[in-house]
């Protein structure tokens, strides 16, 4: 359902309202969404009906400035029937203060999405999704590199909905360059494509810079006392040098990555099931419209039913995109045997780090949820990128 807002500031804006819900059949249902701008202000009124028989609901709103391809506008100033504990009913009302969050940066491509989840769950930070905690089956019996399947428990977390893009990388790196950080890699085909040519060390330092830029506690340190923030050099930091309870950004462990990639499904090859074709992911020979040029990445969120060849929205059950293909994604772990069944962190040392998800220049066998890549952490490899997680 789409609605026109007359004007915000001096820019005409189209806000498309997309209602989202949880995965269960008896999940909350949003309907009759209405949106308008208060005359003479930059306040946006959104109303909706919310049906659910199981109690209160958690509601949050995402904003896009690219017609719905990605929802990463830093929109935070909302009031009304939003957040935790929203009771079902008609005419639920939300007010967005667009001036406070995005004044002067509005475009005709603006869209808004309403998200709901049953019960009381944490509201994700902008650009991230909530991954519920719990047990899952890790690995594939048919995949020797995954060493069979095993039951692993992962704590709840937030994860970037998209791979880190060129524009997000550049915004944080620009801040980092003037705040004591040293990073040398990073390129992207376009600002909305994933960053690639990233060493593991630069990815980790960038996570710390993103944390400090946003006033969060950094995760990675160069000492076991966790007092010296990791900002420069190629340090093989250990598990003891990681402040796992910090609220800042970090790389996922490979167990966290695989749980998130599966999107709540169990025993499937890919984030959506057991089949794959060029309408679902960007891999070698997938035939997408970005295969002319180098690198052959697609924009973040490209497989959202807007792709060529045409297909369905390929977000997985947790709302994550490109967990199969596009660019490999660095994980925290050294490559080796994954021991432990409660938030395993991987080996304490090694030669190569783990990369997951496959990429545009690897075939379909490499983009499976359970496939484990191993890459030297010094390597600025051309099809390597990453995404971040945050603990609760």
Protein backbone atom coordinates (compact mmCIF):
# COMPACT_ATOMS: atom_id res chain seq x y z
CA UNK A 1 0.00 0.00 0.00
CA UNK A 2 1.47 3.39 -0.98
CA UNK A 3 0.53 6.89 0.09
CA UNK A 4 1.70 10.30 -1.01
CA UNK A 5 2.96 12.81 1.51
CA UNK A 6 2.56 16.30 0.12
CA UNK A 7 5.87 17.86 1.18
CA UNK A 8 8.57 17.56 3.82
CA UNK A 9 10.62 20.71 3.76
CA UNK A 10 10.81 21.44 0.05
CA UNK A 11 11.01 17.87 -1.24
CA UNK A 12 8.09 15.75 -2.38
CA UNK A 13 8.30 12.37 -0.72
CA UNK A 14 6.66 9.03 -1.45
CA UNK A 15 6.34 6.82 1.59
CA UNK A 16 5.50 3.23 0.80
CA UNK A 17 4.30 1.39 3.89
CA UNK A 18 5.21 -2.27 4.11
CA UNK A 19 3.88 -4.27 7.01
CA UNK A 20 6.16 -6.93 8.40
CA UNK A 21 5.50 -9.60 10.99
CA UNK A 22 6.99 -12.58 12.76
CA UNK A 23 7.41 -15.98 11.15
CA UNK A 24 4.66 -17.96 12.88
CA UNK A 25 1.25 -18.55 11.31
CA UNK A 26 -0.43 -16.77 14.24
CA UNK A 27 1.90 -13.77 14.00
CA UNK A 28 0.66 -10.16 14.34
CA UNK A 29 -1.01 -8.73 11.24
CA UNK A 30 -0.79 -5.07 10.21
CA UNK A 31 -3.45 -3.59 7.92
CA UNK A 32 -5.10 -0.32 6.83
CA UNK A 33 -1.87 1.68 6.99
CA UNK A 34 -2.34 5.42 6.52
CA UNK A 35 0.29 8.15 6.34
CA UNK A 36 0.15 11.93 6.14
CA UNK A 37 2.19 14.99 6.93
CA UNK A 38 1.05 17.58 9.41
CA UNK A 39 0.53 20.84 7.60
CA UNK A 40 3.37 23.29 8.06
CA UNK A 41 5.60 20.79 9.88
CA UNK A 42 8.03 17.98 9.18
CA UNK A 43 6.14 15.52 11.34
CA UNK A 44 4.85 12.37 9.63
CA UNK A 45 1.75 10.68 11.05
CA UNK A 46 1.42 6.93 10.47
CA UNK A 47 -1.63 4.94 11.56
CA UNK A 48 -2.33 1.25 11.26
CA UNK A 49 -4.57 -1.53 12.53
CA UNK A 50 -2.92 -4.32 14.48
CA UNK A 51 -4.54 -7.74 14.90
CA UNK A 52 -3.11 -10.37 17.22
CA UNK A 53 -4.74 -12.69 19.74
CA UNK A 54 -1.63 -13.56 21.74
CA UNK A 55 -1.08 -10.41 23.81
CA UNK A 56 1.10 -7.37 23.22
CA UNK A 57 3.41 -6.82 20.27
CA UNK A 58 6.79 -5.17 19.63
CA UNK A 59 6.61 -2.64 16.78
CA UNK A 60 9.40 -0.74 15.02
CA UNK A 61 9.71 1.33 11.86
CA UNK A 62 12.43 1.25 9.17
CA UNK A 63 12.98 4.04 6.64
CA UNK A 64 14.47 3.74 3.14
CA UNK A 65 15.83 6.48 0.87
CA UNK A 66 16.29 4.26 -2.20
CA UNK A 67 12.78 3.10 -2.99
CA UNK A 68 12.85 0.15 -0.62
CA UNK A 69 16.07 -1.55 -1.72
CA UNK A 70 17.60 -0.92 1.70
CA UNK A 71 16.30 0.44 4.98
CA UNK A 72 19.24 2.19 6.60
CA UNK A 73 18.08 5.80 7.07
CA UNK A 74 19.01 6.76 10.67
CA UNK A 75 15.39 7.32 11.70
CA UNK A 76 15.09 7.08 15.48
CA UNK A 77 12.74 9.82 16.62
CA UNK A 78 9.39 8.08 16.84
CA UNK A 79 6.58 8.28 19.37
CA UNK A 80 3.20 6.67 19.91
CA UNK A 81 2.28 3.02 19.37
CA UNK A 82 5.84 1.84 18.76
CA UNK A 83 8.37 -0.20 20.69
CA UNK A 84 7.56 -2.92 23.18
CA UNK A 85 4.16 -3.58 24.71
CA UNK A 86 1.92 -2.29 21.90
CA UNK A 87 -1.63 -3.57 22.38
CA UNK A 88 -3.53 -4.83 19.31
CA UNK A 89 -6.35 -2.63 18.04
CA UNK A 90 -7.42 -0.23 15.35
CA UNK A 91 -5.97 3.22 14.65
CA UNK A 92 -2.58 2.58 16.22
CA UNK A 93 -0.67 5.85 15.75
CA UNK A 94 3.04 6.61 15.26
CA UNK A 95 4.66 10.02 14.74
CA UNK A 96 8.04 10.32 13.00
CA UNK A 97 9.99 13.57 13.46
CA UNK A 98 11.65 13.60 10.03
CA UNK A 99 13.28 16.95 10.70
CA UNK A 100 15.16 15.64 13.73
CA UNK A 101 16.47 12.55 11.95
CA UNK A 102 16.90 13.38 8.29
CA UNK A 103 16.36 17.08 7.64
CA UNK A 104 17.62 18.23 4.25
CA UNK A 105 18.36 14.70 3.01
CA UNK A 106 14.92 13.65 1.84
CA UNK A 107 14.26 12.26 -1.64
CA UNK A 108 11.33 11.11 -3.74
CA UNK A 109 12.50 7.54 -3.11
CA UNK A 110 11.61 7.51 0.59
CA UNK A 111 9.68 4.50 1.91
CA UNK A 112 8.70 3.37 5.38
CA UNK A 113 8.27 -0.18 6.64
CA UNK A 114 6.37 -1.22 9.77
CA UNK A 115 7.76 -4.32 11.48
CA UNK A 116 6.05 -6.37 14.18
CA UNK A 117 6.99 -9.32 16.32
CA UNK A 118 4.87 -11.07 18.92
CA UNK A 119 5.70 -10.50 22.56
CA UNK A 120 8.50 -8.44 24.03
CA UNK A 121 11.71 -8.49 22.01
CA UNK A 122 14.54 -5.96 21.65
CA UNK A 123 14.01 -3.31 18.98
CA UNK A 124 16.93 -3.58 16.50
CA UNK A 125 19.31 -0.67 15.92
CA UNK A 126 18.99 1.08 12.56
CA UNK A 127 20.02 -1.23 9.72
CA UNK A 128 20.09 -4.36 11.87
CA UNK A 129 17.73 -7.24 12.63
CA UNK A 130 17.10 -9.21 15.80
CA UNK A 131 18.33 -12.81 15.77
CA UNK A 132 16.62 -14.78 18.56
CA UNK A 133 18.73 -16.98 20.78
CA UNK A 134 18.38 -20.74 20.86
CA UNK A 135 19.73 -24.05 19.66
CA UNK A 136 20.22 -24.93 16.01
CA UNK A 137 21.73 -27.72 13.94
CA UNK A 138 25.10 -26.59 12.61
CA UNK A 139 26.74 -28.18 9.59
CA UNK A 140 25.79 -30.76 6.93
CA UNK A 141 26.29 -34.50 7.05
CA UNK A 142 27.24 -34.41 3.38
CA UNK A 143 29.81 -31.64 3.85
CA UNK A 144 33.09 -33.06 5.09
CA UNK A 145 34.49 -29.60 5.86
CA UNK A 146 31.63 -28.97 8.28
CA UNK A 147 32.36 -32.21 10.17
CA UNK A 148 28.76 -33.37 10.29
CA UNK A 149 25.95 -31.78 12.25
CA UNK A 150 25.87 -30.80 15.88
CA UNK A 151 23.55 -28.90 18.19
CA UNK A 152 24.86 -25.46 19.16
CA UNK A 153 23.32 -22.79 21.39
CA UNK A 154 23.67 -19.15 20.31
CA UNK A 155 22.66 -16.16 22.44
CA UNK A 156 20.33 -13.54 20.95
CA UNK A 157 22.01 -10.78 18.97
CA UNK A 158 21.56 -8.07 16.37
CA UNK A 159 23.05 -8.48 12.88
CA UNK A 160 23.40 -6.10 9.94
CA UNK A 161 20.56 -6.71 7.50
CA UNK A 162 23.00 -6.14 4.61
CA UNK A 163 26.68 -6.65 3.97
CA UNK A 164 28.63 -3.49 4.83
CA UNK A 165 28.31 -1.21 1.82
CA UNK A 166 30.82 1.13 0.27
CA UNK A 167 29.05 4.18 1.64
CA UNK A 168 28.85 2.81 5.20
CA UNK A 169 32.49 1.74 5.06
CA UNK A 170 33.53 5.19 3.82
CA UNK A 171 31.53 7.11 6.41
CA UNK A 172 33.10 5.19 9.27
CA UNK A 173 36.59 5.09 7.78
CA UNK A 174 36.50 8.84 7.25
CA UNK A 175 35.87 9.26 10.97
CA UNK A 176 38.45 6.62 11.85
CA UNK A 177 41.21 8.29 9.83
CA UNK A 178 41.04 11.31 12.12
CA UNK A 179 40.69 9.35 15.37
CA UNK A 180 43.84 7.27 15.55
CA UNK A 181 42.88 4.37 13.29
CA UNK A 182 44.94 2.88 10.47
CA UNK A 183 43.20 0.88 7.71
CA UNK A 184 44.48 0.43 4.17
CA UNK A 185 41.97 -1.73 2.28
CA UNK A 186 38.49 -1.36 0.93
CA UNK A 187 36.85 -0.78 -2.45
CA UNK A 188 33.38 -1.22 -3.89
CA UNK A 189 31.83 -1.17 -7.32
CA UNK A 190 29.43 1.55 -6.21
CA UNK A 191 28.38 3.14 -2.93
CA UNK A 192 25.41 0.79 -2.50
CA UNK A 193 27.43 -2.34 -3.32
CA UNK A 194 29.19 -4.29 -0.57
CA UNK A 195 32.69 -3.22 0.38
CA UNK A 196 35.31 -5.78 -0.68
CA UNK A 197 39.10 -6.19 -0.78
CA UNK A 198 39.12 -6.10 3.03
CA UNK A 199 41.65 -7.88 5.24
CA UNK A 200 40.41 -9.52 8.42
CA UNK A 201 42.45 -7.05 10.47
CA UNK A 202 40.89 -4.03 8.77
CA UNK A 203 37.40 -5.48 9.23
CA UNK A 204 37.99 -5.87 12.97
CA UNK A 205 39.47 -2.37 13.36
CA UNK A 206 36.57 -0.94 11.36
CA UNK A 207 34.11 -2.61 13.76
CA UNK A 208 35.82 -0.78 16.65
CA UNK A 209 35.74 2.51 14.76
CA UNK A 210 32.03 2.10 14.04
CA UNK A 211 31.46 1.49 17.75
CA UNK A 212 33.44 4.51 18.91
CA UNK A 213 31.90 6.76 16.25
CA UNK A 214 28.45 5.90 17.65
CA UNK A 215 29.45 6.23 21.29
CA UNK A 216 29.40 2.48 21.95
CA UNK A 217 31.96 0.37 23.82
CA UNK A 218 34.50 -1.19 21.43
CA UNK A 219 34.88 -4.95 21.44
CA UNK A 220 38.49 -5.60 20.37
CA UNK A 221 41.65 -4.81 22.38
CA UNK A 222 45.36 -5.55 22.13
CA UNK A 223 45.71 -6.66 25.75
CA UNK A 224 43.95 -9.20 27.94
CA UNK A 225 43.04 -6.45 30.42
CA UNK A 226 40.93 -5.01 27.60
CA UNK A 227 42.12 -1.45 28.08
CA UNK A 228 44.03 -0.75 24.82
CA UNK A 229 41.51 -0.40 21.98
CA UNK A 230 42.65 -2.10 18.77
CA UNK A 231 43.06 0.71 16.23
CA UNK A 232 46.17 -0.02 14.16
CA UNK A 233 48.52 -2.75 12.99
CA UNK A 234 47.91 -6.44 12.31
CA UNK A 235 47.52 -7.92 15.78
CA UNK A 236 46.43 -11.50 16.25
CA UNK A 237 44.07 -10.71 19.06
CA UNK A 238 42.89 -13.66 21.12
CA UNK A 239 39.52 -14.56 22.60
CA UNK A 240 40.73 -13.07 25.90
CA UNK A 241 41.27 -9.71 24.19
CA UNK A 242 37.62 -9.51 23.13
CA UNK A 243 35.07 -7.79 25.36
CA UNK A 244 32.25 -10.13 24.42
CA UNK A 245 29.75 -8.31 26.67
CA UNK A 246 30.37 -4.88 25.09
CA UNK A 247 27.52 -3.19 23.22
CA UNK A 248 29.70 -2.32 20.22
CA UNK A 249 30.04 -3.90 16.79
CA UNK A 250 32.04 -7.04 16.06
CA UNK A 251 32.41 -9.82 13.52
CA UNK A 252 30.10 -12.79 14.08
CA UNK A 253 31.56 -16.09 15.17
CA UNK A 254 31.04 -18.67 12.46
CA UNK A 255 28.41 -20.41 14.60
CA UNK A 256 26.52 -17.12 14.97
CA UNK A 257 26.85 -16.53 11.25
CA UNK A 258 25.45 -19.94 10.34
CA UNK A 259 22.52 -19.68 12.75
CA UNK A 260 21.65 -16.30 11.28
CA UNK A 261 22.08 -17.53 7.70
CA UNK A 262 19.62 -20.37 8.22
CA UNK A 263 16.91 -17.90 9.18
CA UNK A 264 15.13 -20.30 11.51
CA UNK A 265 15.12 -23.22 9.06
CA UNK A 266 16.83 -26.51 9.87
CA UNK A 267 18.68 -28.92 7.60
CA UNK A 268 18.46 -26.81 4.43
CA UNK A 269 21.29 -26.14 2.00
CA UNK A 270 20.54 -22.44 1.51
CA UNK A 271 18.94 -19.68 3.63
CA UNK A 272 15.56 -20.29 1.98
CA UNK A 273 15.60 -24.06 1.23
CA UNK A 274 17.36 -26.68 -0.89
CA UNK A 275 17.31 -25.12 -4.37
CA UNK A 276 19.11 -22.20 -5.96
CA UNK A 277 19.05 -20.32 -9.25
CA UNK A 278 20.03 -16.93 -10.60
CA UNK A 279 16.94 -15.21 -9.23
CA UNK A 280 17.96 -16.00 -5.64
CA UNK A 281 21.62 -15.10 -5.17
CA UNK A 282 24.74 -13.69 -6.82
CA UNK A 283 27.20 -16.50 -7.56
CA UNK A 284 29.43 -17.43 -10.51
CA UNK A 285 27.20 -17.85 -13.55
CA UNK A 286 24.03 -16.67 -11.82
CA UNK A 287 23.22 -14.45 -14.80
CA UNK A 288 22.27 -11.31 -12.89
CA UNK A 289 22.41 -7.95 -14.64
CA UNK A 290 25.67 -6.93 -12.89
CA UNK A 291 27.92 -9.55 -14.50
CA UNK A 292 29.41 -7.03 -16.93
CA UNK A 293 32.12 -5.19 -15.05
CA UNK A 294 34.38 -5.86 -12.11
CA UNK A 295 33.81 -6.83 -9.41
CA UNK A 296 30.56 -8.57 -10.29
CA UNK A 297 28.83 -7.64 -7.04
CA UNK A 298 25.17 -6.67 -6.85
CA UNK A 299 23.84 -3.84 -4.68
CA UNK A 300 23.02 -4.64 -1.07
CA UNK A 301 19.40 -5.74 -0.89
CA UNK A 302 19.24 -6.27 -4.66
CA UNK A 303 17.43 -9.62 -4.33
CA UNK A 304 14.30 -8.03 -2.89
CA UNK A 305 12.03 -8.88 -5.87
CA UNK A 306 13.61 -6.02 -7.85
CA UNK A 307 16.31 -8.14 -9.46
CA UNK A 308 16.92 -9.28 -13.02
CA UNK A 309 16.12 -12.05 -13.76
CA UNK A 310 13.03 -11.41 -11.71
CA UNK A 311 12.34 -13.39 -8.54
CA UNK A 312 10.92 -13.20 -5.06
CA UNK A 313 12.20 -11.26 -2.08
CA UNK A 314 15.20 -13.32 -0.92
CA UNK A 315 15.52 -12.07 2.64
CA UNK A 316 15.74 -15.12 4.87
CA UNK A 317 13.46 -15.81 7.83
CA UNK A 318 15.28 -13.26 9.98
CA UNK A 319 15.18 -10.55 7.29
CA UNK A 320 18.84 -10.87 6.23
CA UNK A 321 20.00 -10.41 2.63
CA UNK A 322 22.96 -11.93 0.74
CA UNK A 323 23.72 -14.62 3.29
CA UNK A 324 24.38 -16.69 0.15
CA UNK A 325 26.70 -15.12 -2.42
CA UNK A 326 27.69 -11.58 -3.38
CA UNK A 327 30.83 -11.35 -1.18
CA UNK A 328 32.45 -13.72 1.28
CA UNK A 329 31.94 -12.56 4.87
CA UNK A 330 34.73 -12.58 7.45
CA UNK A 331 33.98 -14.31 10.74
CA UNK A 332 35.84 -14.07 14.03
CA UNK A 333 37.14 -17.64 14.18
CA UNK A 334 40.46 -19.13 13.30
CA UNK A 335 39.79 -21.97 10.88
CA UNK A 336 39.79 -25.28 12.72
CA UNK A 337 37.55 -27.60 14.70
CA UNK A 338 34.59 -25.80 16.26
CA UNK A 339 34.49 -27.11 19.82
CA UNK A 340 31.84 -26.50 22.47
CA UNK A 341 28.09 -26.25 22.14
CA UNK A 342 27.42 -22.95 23.96
CA UNK A 343 28.40 -19.84 21.97
CA UNK A 344 31.64 -21.42 20.68
CA UNK A 345 34.39 -18.95 19.81
CA UNK A 346 36.58 -21.33 17.80
CA UNK A 347 40.26 -22.27 18.15
CA UNK A 348 42.61 -20.08 20.21
CA UNK A 349 45.15 -19.80 17.37
CA UNK A 350 45.65 -20.72 13.75
CA UNK A 351 46.85 -19.65 10.32
CA UNK A 352 43.64 -18.80 8.46
CA UNK A 353 40.40 -17.14 9.49
CA UNK A 354 36.93 -18.35 8.55
CA UNK A 355 34.90 -16.75 5.76
CA UNK A 356 31.29 -17.71 5.09
CA UNK A 357 28.59 -17.31 2.44
CA UNK A 358 30.48 -17.61 -0.84
CA UNK A 359 30.61 -14.83 -3.42
CA UNK A 360 30.01 -13.66 -6.98
CA UNK A 361 33.01 -15.61 -8.33
CA UNK A 362 32.31 -18.97 -6.65
CA UNK A 363 29.79 -21.63 -7.64
CA UNK A 364 26.66 -22.79 -5.85
CA UNK A 365 28.47 -25.36 -3.70
CA UNK A 366 30.32 -22.53 -1.96
CA UNK A 367 27.24 -20.46 -1.08
CA UNK A 368 25.63 -23.15 1.10
CA UNK A 369 24.87 -22.25 4.71
CA UNK A 370 27.32 -24.85 6.04
CA UNK A 371 30.24 -24.20 3.69
CA UNK A 372 33.41 -23.02 5.44
CA UNK A 373 35.95 -20.89 3.62
CA UNK A 374 39.47 -20.33 4.97
CA UNK A 375 41.46 -17.22 4.14
CA UNK A 376 44.72 -15.77 5.40
CA UNK A 377 43.74 -12.76 7.56
CA UNK A 378 46.35 -10.60 5.80
CA UNK A 379 44.67 -11.25 2.44
CA UNK A 380 42.90 -8.31 0.79
CA UNK A 381 40.93 -10.73 -1.33
CA UNK A 382 38.83 -9.30 -4.11
CA UNK A 383 35.57 -11.03 -3.22
CA UNK A 384 35.79 -10.61 0.55
CA UNK A 385 33.57 -8.37 2.69
CA UNK A 386 31.73 -8.65 5.99
CA UNK A 387 28.77 -7.65 8.13
CA UNK A 388 28.59 -6.84 11.84
CA UNK A 389 26.75 -8.14 14.87
CA UNK A 390 26.05 -6.59 18.25
CA UNK A 391 25.27 -8.38 21.47
CA UNK A 392 22.26 -7.48 23.56
